[in-house]
Amino acid sequence: MTTDRECPCGADAVRDQAAFWFARSRDGDLPAEERAGFESWLAEHDQHAHEIRLLHNLWGAADLLPRARLEALCEADAPTPLRPPKPATGRAFIRYAVAASLVAMVGAGALYLGVNPKPDYSEEFATVLGERRQVALPDGSVLDLNGRTRMKVHFYRDSRQIELAEGEAMFSVEHDPSRPFVVQTGQGSVTVTGTRFDVRRDPALTQVAVESGTVKVKGRADEPGNQVTLTAELGSNIDASGKVTPASAVNTAAITAWRGGKLVFNDASLKDVVRDVSRYREKPLRVAPGKTENLRLTSVFKSDDTDALLRALPSILPVAVRTLADGSQEIFSK
């Protein structure tokens, strides 16, 4: 290895070469032939290794910069992004591209630190078909999970965040104005400081019903007024596009009857009945399209015995039930 104070090929050339090799190494494992070329280049002069070490140190700059500087990089009026003093071509462009990537990485690090600090508490909960589970959280809030429910819980210094991936839960939230309790469903969000409410997430719909307190429902769709405030015995939906429906009166006792293992239907369309019952069955239940799905049902059944509903249905409505080739069942008009 040559150890002259200055590399014979010039400092700019060395930096260009170092930027090239650094960028290549960040792409993944180098092929054997290219790896040999890189190692040969490193061995030519100690300045080569020095420049590579410098780039690695810069790449880790997010851990070294003061927090104030990291936050400044994320300000909307942050300094103009790094640009070369004159148009860059060839290997010089590579050097500037690497430098710009480093600045972008530091900015991203600041954003992560500022917006997503390490939570004080994190946990995941899940239930299987037919399971109901109650969970107590560190703040005193209580979650009742219906079957086939998955969620993540993250508590931060200034907020309590729930990610409801699927399923349904009754939230009994401990009042804390300084830490809003937010349930995210992908289609929108539900925000409270302390209340009791039910959230159900289906693939194309989020349903919210409030038992007590006040809840703000906001849709994902970025439109003026795409939110609604709910109080006791009011509910709202967020559709697949993220749009929120107006508040409407709901029967929260019927909606949350699943906590006692019951399915309560009050003048519900057969289409809605089938959708609800399918959540408690291994195979989905179907209803023939047309007038059959618009028939109305008022009754109470056990959620862990939906076969009893199917046996009783023909004596309540003018329908019959048949088993399809895939093992699922369909309700059709007689």
Protein backbone atom coordinates (compact mmCIF):
# COMPACT_ATOMS: atom_id res chain seq x y z
CA MET A 1 0.00 0.00 0.00
CA THR A 2 1.25 3.48 -0.86
CA THR A 3 1.31 5.86 2.09
CA ASP A 4 2.20 9.17 0.45
CA ARG A 5 0.49 12.14 2.04
CA GLU A 6 -1.37 12.90 -1.19
CA CYS A 7 -2.56 10.27 -3.63
CA PRO A 8 -0.78 10.71 -7.02
CA CYS A 9 -4.07 10.67 -8.93
CA GLY A 10 -5.44 13.70 -7.05
CA ALA A 11 -7.94 14.18 -4.23
CA ASP A 12 -10.97 14.77 -6.49
CA ALA A 13 -10.30 11.61 -8.47
CA VAL A 14 -9.99 9.56 -5.27
CA ARG A 15 -13.28 10.96 -3.95
CA ASP A 16 -15.01 10.17 -7.23
CA GLN A 17 -13.69 6.61 -7.11
CA ALA A 18 -14.63 6.23 -3.45
CA ALA A 19 -18.16 7.49 -4.18
CA PHE A 20 -18.46 4.97 -7.00
CA TRP A 21 -17.35 2.02 -4.88
CA PHE A 22 -19.42 3.14 -1.89
CA ALA A 23 -22.55 3.42 -4.04
CA ARG A 24 -21.88 0.00 -5.59
CA SER A 25 -21.40 -1.62 -2.19
CA ARG A 26 -24.73 -0.19 -0.96
CA ASP A 27 -26.51 -2.00 -3.81
CA GLY A 28 -25.77 -5.38 -2.24
CA ASP A 29 -23.10 -8.06 -2.47
CA LEU A 30 -20.59 -7.37 -5.23
CA PRO A 31 -19.85 -10.10 -7.77
CA ALA A 32 -16.53 -11.88 -7.09
CA GLU A 33 -14.70 -10.14 -9.94
CA GLU A 34 -15.95 -6.70 -8.90
CA ARG A 35 -15.17 -7.39 -5.24
CA ALA A 36 -11.58 -8.23 -6.22
CA GLY A 37 -11.35 -4.92 -8.12
CA PHE A 38 -12.64 -3.02 -5.09
CA GLU A 39 -10.15 -4.67 -2.75
CA SER A 40 -7.35 -4.01 -5.21
CA TRP A 41 -8.32 -0.34 -5.34
CA LEU A 42 -8.38 -0.14 -1.52
CA ALA A 43 -4.87 -1.61 -1.36
CA GLU A 44 -3.39 0.92 -3.80
CA HIS A 45 -3.22 3.80 -1.31
CA ASP A 46 -4.23 4.52 2.28
CA GLN A 47 -6.18 7.56 1.04
CA HIS A 48 -8.58 5.17 -0.70
CA ALA A 49 -9.50 3.42 2.55
CA HIS A 50 -9.71 6.80 4.29
CA GLU A 51 -12.30 8.11 1.81
CA ILE A 52 -14.38 4.94 2.12
CA ARG A 53 -14.32 5.19 5.92
CA LEU A 54 -15.37 8.83 5.64
CA LEU A 55 -18.38 7.93 3.52
CA HIS A 56 -19.40 5.20 5.97
CA ASN A 57 -19.14 7.69 8.82
CA LEU A 58 -21.28 10.19 6.93
CA TRP A 59 -23.86 7.50 6.26
CA GLY A 60 -24.20 7.11 10.00
CA ALA A 61 -24.41 10.87 10.51
CA ALA A 62 -27.98 10.73 11.78
CA ASP A 63 -26.64 9.22 14.99
CA LEU A 64 -23.97 11.90 15.35
CA LEU A 65 -25.76 15.15 14.52
CA PRO A 66 -27.43 17.15 17.32
CA ARG A 67 -31.18 16.69 17.55
CA ALA A 68 -31.77 20.39 16.75
CA ARG A 69 -29.85 19.99 13.51
CA LEU A 70 -31.79 16.86 12.59
CA GLU A 71 -35.10 18.64 13.21
CA ALA A 72 -33.94 21.64 11.17
CA LEU A 73 -33.35 19.38 8.17
CA CYS A 74 -37.01 18.42 8.27
CA GLU A 75 -38.40 21.96 8.40
CA ALA A 76 -40.54 22.96 5.42
CA ASP A 77 -38.19 25.85 4.70
CA ALA A 78 -35.03 23.78 5.15
CA PRO A 79 -31.94 24.87 3.19
CA THR A 80 -31.83 24.09 -0.50
CA PRO A 81 -30.79 20.46 -1.13
CA LEU A 82 -27.13 19.84 -1.86
CA ARG A 83 -26.15 20.70 -5.44
CA PRO A 84 -22.79 20.72 -7.16
CA PRO A 85 -21.32 24.20 -7.79
CA LYS A 86 -21.34 23.48 -11.52
CA PRO A 87 -22.89 20.83 -13.78
CA ALA A 88 -21.47 17.44 -12.90
CA THR A 89 -20.73 14.68 -15.34
CA GLY A 90 -19.27 11.21 -15.21
CA ARG A 91 -17.86 10.11 -11.88
CA ALA A 92 -18.29 13.56 -10.35
CA PHE A 93 -22.05 13.06 -10.66
CA ILE A 94 -21.73 9.85 -8.65
CA ARG A 95 -20.02 11.73 -5.84
CA TYR A 96 -22.78 14.34 -5.70
CA ALA A 97 -25.47 11.67 -5.89
CA VAL A 98 -23.97 9.88 -2.90
CA ALA A 99 -23.71 13.16 -0.97
CA ALA A 100 -27.35 13.98 -1.76
CA SER A 101 -28.37 10.50 -0.60
CA LEU A 102 -26.55 11.08 2.67
CA VAL A 103 -28.40 14.35 3.27
CA ALA A 104 -31.72 12.70 2.39
CA MET A 105 -30.94 9.85 4.77
CA VAL A 106 -30.17 12.29 7.62
CA GLY A 107 -33.41 14.14 6.91
CA ALA A 108 -35.35 10.88 6.99
CA GLY A 109 -33.67 10.03 10.27
CA ALA A 110 -34.81 13.34 11.72
CA LEU A 111 -38.34 12.76 10.54
CA TYR A 112 -38.35 9.31 12.13
CA LEU A 113 -36.99 10.63 15.41
CA GLY A 114 -39.40 13.56 15.49
CA VAL A 115 -42.60 11.87 14.32
CA ASN A 116 -42.06 8.25 15.36
CA PRO A 117 -40.23 8.25 18.69
CA LYS A 118 -39.74 4.95 20.43
CA PRO A 119 -43.04 3.98 22.09
CA ASP A 120 -43.32 3.61 25.85
CA TYR A 121 -45.41 0.47 25.32
CA SER A 122 -45.97 -1.82 22.32
CA GLU A 123 -47.95 -5.02 22.01
CA GLU A 124 -49.84 -7.09 19.44
CA PHE A 125 -53.09 -8.93 20.07
CA ALA A 126 -54.97 -11.47 17.94
CA THR A 127 -57.93 -13.80 18.28
CA VAL A 128 -59.03 -16.78 16.21
CA LEU A 129 -62.46 -17.80 14.94
CA GLY A 130 -64.92 -18.11 17.83
CA GLU A 131 -62.54 -16.58 20.40
CA ARG A 132 -63.36 -13.56 22.55
CA ARG A 133 -60.66 -11.95 24.64
CA GLN A 134 -60.38 -9.05 27.09
CA VAL A 135 -57.13 -7.10 27.41
CA ALA A 136 -56.16 -4.51 30.03
CA LEU A 137 -53.74 -1.81 28.85
CA PRO A 138 -51.16 -0.03 31.04
CA ASP A 139 -53.19 3.23 31.11
CA GLY A 140 -56.24 1.47 32.55
CA SER A 141 -58.10 1.18 29.24
CA VAL A 142 -59.76 -2.16 28.47
CA LEU A 143 -60.17 -3.82 25.08
CA ASP A 144 -62.74 -6.53 24.31
CA LEU A 145 -61.71 -8.37 21.14
CA ASN A 146 -64.14 -10.28 18.98
CA GLY A 147 -63.08 -13.34 16.99
CA ARG A 148 -60.72 -13.01 14.00
CA THR A 149 -59.30 -9.72 15.24
CA ARG A 150 -55.73 -8.44 14.87
CA MET A 151 -54.33 -5.21 16.24
CA LYS A 152 -51.15 -3.46 17.33
CA VAL A 153 -50.99 -1.10 20.31
CA HIS A 154 -48.36 1.64 20.66
CA PHE A 155 -48.32 4.11 23.54
CA TYR A 156 -46.25 7.28 23.17
CA ARG A 157 -45.70 10.20 25.51
CA ASP A 158 -48.38 12.30 23.79
CA SER A 159 -50.68 9.73 22.13
CA ARG A 160 -52.08 6.21 22.31
CA GLN A 161 -52.17 4.54 18.91
CA ILE A 162 -54.11 1.42 17.85
CA GLU A 163 -53.71 -0.22 14.44
CA LEU A 164 -56.79 -2.39 13.83
CA ALA A 165 -55.82 -4.68 10.95
CA GLU A 166 -59.07 -6.67 10.93
CA GLY A 167 -61.95 -7.68 13.13
CA GLU A 168 -63.84 -5.90 15.88
CA ALA A 169 -63.16 -4.52 19.34
CA MET A 170 -64.99 -2.66 22.08
CA PHE A 171 -62.78 0.09 23.50
CA SER A 172 -63.26 1.30 27.08
CA VAL A 173 -60.78 4.16 27.12
CA GLU A 174 -59.34 5.73 30.25
CA HIS A 175 -59.77 9.50 30.08
CA ASP A 176 -56.53 11.38 29.38
CA PRO A 177 -56.82 14.70 27.47
CA SER A 178 -53.04 14.95 27.15
CA ARG A 179 -52.83 11.61 25.27
CA PRO A 180 -55.55 11.12 22.65
CA PHE A 181 -56.52 7.52 21.92
CA VAL A 182 -56.50 6.94 18.15
CA VAL A 183 -57.73 3.83 16.33
CA GLN A 184 -56.42 3.53 12.76
CA THR A 185 -58.18 1.16 10.35
CA GLY A 186 -56.58 2.02 7.03
CA GLN A 187 -59.88 3.45 5.79
CA GLY A 188 -59.78 6.19 8.42
CA SER A 189 -59.30 6.92 12.11
CA VAL A 190 -61.28 7.23 15.34
CA THR A 191 -59.99 9.66 17.97
CA VAL A 192 -61.06 10.01 21.61
CA THR A 193 -59.69 11.06 25.00
CA GLY A 194 -61.93 8.79 27.07
CA THR A 195 -65.12 6.92 26.14
CA ARG A 196 -66.67 3.54 25.24
CA PHE A 197 -67.10 2.69 21.59
CA ASP A 198 -67.07 -0.23 19.16
CA VAL A 199 -65.03 -0.38 15.94
CA ARG A 200 -65.42 -3.09 13.35
CA ARG A 201 -63.12 -3.32 10.34
CA ASP A 202 -64.15 -5.34 7.31
CA PRO A 203 -62.21 -5.33 4.03
CA ALA A 204 -64.40 -2.62 2.50
CA LEU A 205 -65.97 -0.92 5.51
CA THR A 206 -65.19 0.45 8.98
CA GLN A 207 -68.17 0.72 11.34
CA VAL A 208 -68.11 2.85 14.49
CA ALA A 209 -70.72 2.92 17.26
CA VAL A 210 -70.48 4.99 20.46
CA GLU A 211 -71.87 3.81 23.78
CA SER A 212 -70.73 6.81 25.84
CA GLY A 213 -68.52 9.88 25.50
CA THR A 214 -67.51 11.64 22.29
CA VAL A 215 -65.70 10.24 19.27
CA LYS A 216 -64.29 11.93 16.16
CA VAL A 217 -64.39 9.78 13.02
CA LYS A 218 -62.17 10.92 10.17
CA GLY A 219 -61.89 9.34 6.74
CA ARG A 220 -58.74 8.68 4.76
CA ALA A 221 -60.09 10.58 1.75
CA ASP A 222 -58.60 14.09 1.77
CA GLU A 223 -61.80 16.08 1.32
CA PRO A 224 -63.15 19.09 3.28
CA GLY A 225 -65.59 18.01 5.97
CA ASN A 226 -64.79 14.32 5.62
CA GLN A 227 -65.24 13.72 9.34
CA VAL A 228 -68.02 13.50 11.88
CA THR A 229 -68.35 13.79 15.66
CA LEU A 230 -70.34 11.06 17.41
CA THR A 231 -71.87 10.98 20.87
CA ALA A 232 -73.75 8.22 22.73
CA GLU A 233 -76.01 6.01 20.60
CA LEU A 234 -74.68 7.42 17.33
CA GLY A 235 -72.69 5.62 14.67
CA SER A 236 -70.97 6.16 11.35
CA ASN A 237 -69.20 4.21 8.61
CA ILE A 238 -66.04 4.75 6.57
CA ASP A 239 -66.21 3.15 3.15
CA ALA A 240 -63.39 1.57 1.13
CA SER A 241 -62.51 4.92 -0.47
CA GLY A 242 -62.12 6.57 2.93
CA LYS A 243 -65.36 8.58 2.90
CA VAL A 244 -67.31 9.07 6.14
CA THR A 245 -71.08 8.76 6.33
CA PRO A 246 -73.16 11.23 8.40
CA ALA A 247 -73.93 10.35 12.01
CA SER A 248 -77.02 8.20 12.52
CA ALA A 249 -78.81 6.62 15.48
CA VAL A 250 -77.65 3.10 16.33
CA ASN A 251 -78.56 0.45 18.89
CA THR A 252 -75.22 -0.03 20.64
CA ALA A 253 -76.62 -2.78 22.86
CA ALA A 254 -77.43 -4.84 19.76
CA ILE A 255 -74.16 -3.98 18.04
CA THR A 256 -72.07 -5.00 21.04
CA ALA A 257 -74.13 -8.09 21.93
CA TRP A 258 -71.26 -10.18 20.54
CA ARG A 259 -69.50 -9.60 23.86
CA GLY A 260 -72.11 -11.89 25.39
CA GLY A 261 -71.94 -14.38 22.55
CA LYS A 262 -75.11 -13.15 20.82
CA LEU A 263 -76.06 -11.93 17.35
CA VAL A 264 -78.95 -9.45 17.49
CA PHE A 265 -80.78 -8.45 14.31
CA ASN A 266 -83.42 -5.72 14.32
CA ASP A 267 -85.17 -5.47 10.94
CA ALA A 268 -81.84 -6.23 9.25
CA SER A 269 -81.63 -7.07 5.57
CA LEU A 270 -80.70 -10.68 4.84
CA LYS A 271 -77.66 -9.33 2.99
CA ASP A 272 -76.41 -7.69 6.22
CA VAL A 273 -77.30 -10.77 8.27
CA VAL A 274 -75.23 -13.00 5.98
CA ARG A 275 -72.28 -10.60 6.14
CA ASP A 276 -72.37 -10.61 9.95
CA VAL A 277 -72.89 -14.35 10.34
CA SER A 278 -70.04 -15.16 7.94
CA ARG A 279 -67.57 -13.68 10.44
CA TYR A 280 -68.42 -16.54 12.81
CA ARG A 281 -68.17 -19.39 10.30
CA GLU A 282 -65.23 -21.28 8.82
CA LYS A 283 -66.82 -21.11 5.36
CA PRO A 284 -68.57 -17.93 4.18
CA LEU A 285 -72.34 -17.78 4.02
CA ARG A 286 -73.92 -16.46 0.82
CA VAL A 287 -77.30 -15.11 -0.17
CA ALA A 288 -78.73 -15.23 -3.68
CA PRO A 289 -78.80 -11.75 -5.23
CA GLY A 290 -82.06 -9.95 -5.90
CA LYS A 291 -85.16 -9.98 -3.73
CA THR A 292 -83.76 -12.63 -1.37
CA GLU A 293 -80.98 -10.40 -0.02
CA ASN A 294 -83.52 -7.66 0.71
CA LEU A 295 -85.72 -9.77 3.00
CA ARG A 296 -85.78 -8.46 6.59
CA LEU A 297 -85.00 -10.36 9.79
CA THR A 298 -85.57 -9.62 13.48
CA SER A 299 -84.22 -12.26 15.84
CA VAL A 300 -81.46 -13.24 18.29
CA PHE A 301 -79.00 -16.14 17.85
CA LYS A 302 -75.89 -17.47 19.53
CA SER A 303 -72.69 -16.45 17.73
CA ASP A 304 -71.06 -19.82 18.49
CA ASP A 305 -73.94 -21.79 16.93
CA THR A 306 -74.71 -20.16 13.58
CA ASP A 307 -75.94 -23.50 12.25
CA ALA A 308 -78.98 -22.99 14.50
CA LEU A 309 -79.71 -19.78 12.59
CA LEU A 310 -79.59 -21.64 9.28
CA ARG A 311 -81.94 -24.33 10.60
CA ALA A 312 -84.41 -21.74 11.88
CA LEU A 313 -84.30 -19.37 8.93
CA PRO A 314 -86.67 -21.31 6.60
CA SER A 315 -89.36 -21.21 9.29
CA ILE A 316 -88.99 -17.44 9.67
CA LEU A 317 -88.59 -16.33 6.05
CA PRO A 318 -89.59 -17.83 2.66
CA VAL A 319 -86.11 -19.18 2.00
CA ALA A 320 -84.12 -22.41 1.85
CA VAL A 321 -80.45 -23.19 2.42
CA ARG A 322 -78.21 -25.28 0.17
CA THR A 323 -74.62 -26.43 0.46
CA LEU A 324 -72.34 -25.54 -2.46
CA ALA A 325 -69.47 -27.57 -3.92
CA ASP A 326 -66.82 -25.65 -1.94
CA GLY A 327 -68.55 -26.42 1.36
CA SER A 328 -70.03 -22.95 1.79
CA GLN A 329 -73.78 -22.45 2.07
CA GLU A 330 -76.22 -20.22 0.20
CA ILE A 331 -79.63 -18.87 1.15
CA PHE A 332 -82.14 -18.60 -1.70
CA SER A 333 -85.85 -17.95 -2.12
CA LYS A 334 -88.23 -20.88 -2.13
